[in-house]
Amino acid sequence: MGYFTENIFEFIYGPVANDDVYEALNLYADGTFDREDTIKRLKVKELYNQLAFTTDKALSYLQLLQVI
């Protein structure tokens, strides 16, 4: 097992991977989809971004303003 020695970021913001990717690749691997079908299913439909809080310090900046 290796160790991560690069910079650790408090927050990471960027695109979210679509769960359809995993399914399409599995169906390609077991022969259900051919290459063309797989590529069609891997094309981006709609992009969503996420914000990841990667440390306790980052989480400490969150504050509950109101319970709905």
N, C-alpha and C. Protein backbone atom coordinates (compact mmCIF):
# COMPACT_ATOMS: atom_id res chain seq x y z
N MET A 1 0.85 -1.18 0.00
CA MET A 1 0.00 0.00 0.00
C MET A 1 0.89 1.24 0.00
N GLY A 2 0.55 2.21 -0.85
CA GLY A 2 1.31 3.44 -0.93
C GLY A 2 0.74 4.52 -0.04
N TYR A 3 1.48 5.59 0.04
CA TYR A 3 1.06 6.73 0.84
C TYR A 3 0.99 7.96 -0.05
N PHE A 4 -0.03 8.77 0.14
CA PHE A 4 -0.20 10.01 -0.61
C PHE A 4 0.72 11.07 -0.03
N THR A 5 1.63 11.58 -0.83
CA THR A 5 2.60 12.56 -0.32
C THR A 5 2.48 13.92 -0.97
N GLU A 6 1.46 14.11 -1.79
CA GLU A 6 1.27 15.39 -2.46
C GLU A 6 0.56 16.38 -1.52
N ASN A 7 0.31 17.57 -2.03
CA ASN A 7 -0.42 18.57 -1.25
C ASN A 7 -1.81 18.05 -0.92
N ILE A 8 -2.27 18.34 0.27
CA ILE A 8 -3.64 18.00 0.66
C ILE A 8 -4.46 19.28 0.59
N PHE A 9 -5.56 19.22 -0.14
CA PHE A 9 -6.41 20.38 -0.31
C PHE A 9 -7.59 20.30 0.65
N GLU A 10 -7.95 21.43 1.23
CA GLU A 10 -9.07 21.50 2.16
C GLU A 10 -10.40 21.31 1.44
N PHE A 11 -10.51 21.91 0.25
CA PHE A 11 -11.73 21.87 -0.54
C PHE A 11 -11.36 21.46 -1.96
N ILE A 12 -12.21 20.65 -2.58
CA ILE A 12 -12.03 20.29 -3.98
C ILE A 12 -13.37 20.49 -4.67
N TYR A 13 -13.37 21.30 -5.72
CA TYR A 13 -14.59 21.60 -6.46
C TYR A 13 -14.42 21.16 -7.90
N GLY A 14 -15.39 20.41 -8.42
CA GLY A 14 -15.29 20.00 -9.81
C GLY A 14 -16.41 19.07 -10.22
N PRO A 15 -16.34 18.60 -11.46
CA PRO A 15 -17.40 17.76 -12.00
C PRO A 15 -17.57 16.44 -11.25
N VAL A 16 -18.80 15.97 -11.20
CA VAL A 16 -19.14 14.70 -10.57
C VAL A 16 -19.16 13.64 -11.66
N ALA A 17 -18.58 12.49 -11.37
CA ALA A 17 -18.64 11.37 -12.31
C ALA A 17 -20.05 10.82 -12.33
N ASN A 18 -20.52 10.50 -13.51
CA ASN A 18 -21.85 9.95 -13.68
C ASN A 18 -21.80 8.44 -13.44
N ASP A 19 -22.72 7.89 -12.66
CA ASP A 19 -22.75 6.46 -12.38
C ASP A 19 -23.01 5.63 -13.63
N ASP A 20 -23.54 6.24 -14.68
CA ASP A 20 -23.79 5.52 -15.92
C ASP A 20 -22.49 5.05 -16.57
N VAL A 21 -21.38 5.74 -16.30
CA VAL A 21 -20.09 5.38 -16.88
C VAL A 21 -19.70 3.97 -16.46
N TYR A 22 -19.79 3.69 -15.19
CA TYR A 22 -19.42 2.37 -14.67
C TYR A 22 -20.28 1.28 -15.31
N GLU A 23 -21.56 1.52 -15.39
CA GLU A 23 -22.47 0.54 -15.98
C GLU A 23 -22.16 0.31 -17.46
N ALA A 24 -21.94 1.40 -18.21
CA ALA A 24 -21.64 1.26 -19.64
C ALA A 24 -20.35 0.48 -19.87
N LEU A 25 -19.33 0.75 -19.07
CA LEU A 25 -18.06 0.02 -19.23
C LEU A 25 -18.20 -1.45 -18.88
N ASN A 26 -18.98 -1.75 -17.87
CA ASN A 26 -19.22 -3.15 -17.52
C ASN A 26 -19.97 -3.88 -18.64
N LEU A 27 -20.97 -3.23 -19.21
CA LEU A 27 -21.73 -3.85 -20.28
C LEU A 27 -20.88 -4.03 -21.55
N TYR A 28 -19.94 -3.13 -21.76
CA TYR A 28 -19.01 -3.28 -22.88
C TYR A 28 -18.07 -4.46 -22.61
N ALA A 29 -17.57 -4.54 -21.38
CA ALA A 29 -16.62 -5.60 -21.02
C ALA A 29 -17.24 -6.99 -21.15
N ASP A 30 -18.53 -7.12 -20.84
CA ASP A 30 -19.12 -8.46 -20.96
C ASP A 30 -19.83 -8.67 -22.31
N GLY A 31 -19.61 -7.76 -23.27
CA GLY A 31 -20.06 -7.99 -24.63
C GLY A 31 -21.49 -7.56 -24.94
N THR A 32 -22.19 -6.98 -23.98
CA THR A 32 -23.56 -6.53 -24.21
C THR A 32 -23.58 -5.34 -25.17
N PHE A 33 -22.66 -4.38 -24.98
CA PHE A 33 -22.54 -3.21 -25.86
C PHE A 33 -21.32 -3.38 -26.75
N ASP A 34 -21.45 -2.91 -28.00
CA ASP A 34 -20.26 -2.82 -28.84
C ASP A 34 -19.62 -1.44 -28.61
N ARG A 35 -18.53 -1.20 -29.30
CA ARG A 35 -17.79 0.05 -29.09
C ARG A 35 -18.66 1.28 -29.37
N GLU A 36 -19.38 1.26 -30.45
CA GLU A 36 -20.22 2.41 -30.84
C GLU A 36 -21.30 2.71 -29.80
N ASP A 37 -21.98 1.68 -29.33
CA ASP A 37 -23.02 1.86 -28.30
C ASP A 37 -22.41 2.42 -27.01
N THR A 38 -21.26 1.90 -26.65
CA THR A 38 -20.60 2.35 -25.43
C THR A 38 -20.23 3.82 -25.52
N ILE A 39 -19.66 4.24 -26.63
CA ILE A 39 -19.27 5.64 -26.81
C ILE A 39 -20.49 6.55 -26.73
N LYS A 40 -21.60 6.14 -27.34
CA LYS A 40 -22.84 6.94 -27.26
C LYS A 40 -23.27 7.13 -25.81
N ARG A 41 -23.15 6.08 -25.01
CA ARG A 41 -23.60 6.14 -23.62
C ARG A 41 -22.62 6.90 -22.72
N LEU A 42 -21.37 7.03 -23.16
CA LEU A 42 -20.37 7.74 -22.35
C LEU A 42 -20.36 9.24 -22.61
N LYS A 43 -21.04 9.68 -23.67
CA LYS A 43 -21.05 11.11 -23.95
C LYS A 43 -21.76 11.86 -22.83
N VAL A 44 -21.25 13.03 -22.52
CA VAL A 44 -21.76 13.83 -21.42
C VAL A 44 -23.18 14.30 -21.72
N LYS A 45 -24.06 14.08 -20.76
CA LYS A 45 -25.44 14.50 -20.90
C LYS A 45 -25.64 15.85 -20.21
N GLU A 46 -25.33 15.89 -18.96
CA GLU A 46 -25.47 17.12 -18.19
C GLU A 46 -24.41 17.12 -17.10
N LEU A 47 -23.70 18.23 -16.98
CA LEU A 47 -22.63 18.30 -15.99
C LEU A 47 -23.16 18.82 -14.65
N TYR A 48 -22.68 18.21 -13.60
CA TYR A 48 -22.97 18.66 -12.24
C TYR A 48 -21.64 18.81 -11.52
N ASN A 49 -21.55 19.79 -10.67
CA ASN A 49 -20.35 19.99 -9.88
C ASN A 49 -20.61 19.62 -8.43
N GLN A 50 -19.54 19.31 -7.74
CA GLN A 50 -19.64 19.01 -6.31
C GLN A 50 -18.51 19.73 -5.58
N LEU A 51 -18.73 19.96 -4.32
CA LEU A 51 -17.71 20.52 -3.45
C LEU A 51 -17.41 19.49 -2.37
N ALA A 52 -16.16 19.06 -2.31
CA ALA A 52 -15.76 18.07 -1.31
C ALA A 52 -14.98 18.76 -0.20
N PHE A 53 -15.36 18.48 1.03
CA PHE A 53 -14.65 18.96 2.21
C PHE A 53 -13.74 17.81 2.65
N THR A 54 -12.43 17.98 2.52
CA THR A 54 -11.52 16.85 2.67
C THR A 54 -10.82 16.76 4.02
N THR A 55 -11.01 17.75 4.87
CA THR A 55 -10.36 17.73 6.18
C THR A 55 -11.34 18.18 7.26
N ASP A 56 -11.01 17.91 8.49
CA ASP A 56 -11.83 18.39 9.61
C ASP A 56 -11.84 19.91 9.64
N LYS A 57 -10.71 20.53 9.30
CA LYS A 57 -10.65 21.99 9.28
C LYS A 57 -11.64 22.55 8.26
N ALA A 58 -11.71 21.93 7.08
CA ALA A 58 -12.65 22.38 6.06
C ALA A 58 -14.09 22.26 6.56
N LEU A 59 -14.40 21.15 7.22
CA LEU A 59 -15.74 20.95 7.75
C LEU A 59 -16.10 21.96 8.83
N SER A 60 -15.10 22.46 9.52
CA SER A 60 -15.36 23.43 10.60
C SER A 60 -15.92 24.75 10.07
N TYR A 61 -15.79 25.00 8.77
CA TYR A 61 -16.34 26.23 8.18
C TYR A 61 -17.84 26.13 7.91
N LEU A 62 -18.40 24.94 7.98
CA LEU A 62 -19.84 24.78 7.76
C LEU A 62 -20.62 25.25 8.98
N GLN A 63 -21.74 25.87 8.71
CA GLN A 63 -22.58 26.35 9.80
C GLN A 63 -24.05 26.15 9.42
N LEU A 64 -24.81 25.51 10.27
CA LEU A 64 -26.23 25.29 10.04
C LEU A 64 -26.96 26.60 10.30
N LEU A 65 -27.64 27.11 9.29
CA LEU A 65 -28.34 28.38 9.44
C LEU A 65 -29.81 28.20 9.79
N GLN A 66 -30.43 27.14 9.28
CA GLN A 66 -31.85 26.94 9.53
C GLN A 66 -32.20 25.49 9.27
N VAL A 67 -33.06 24.93 10.09
CA VAL A 67 -33.57 23.60 9.86
C VAL A 67 -34.92 23.75 9.19
N ILE A 68 -35.10 23.05 8.08
CA ILE A 68 -36.36 23.18 7.32
C ILE A 68 -37.36 22.18 7.82
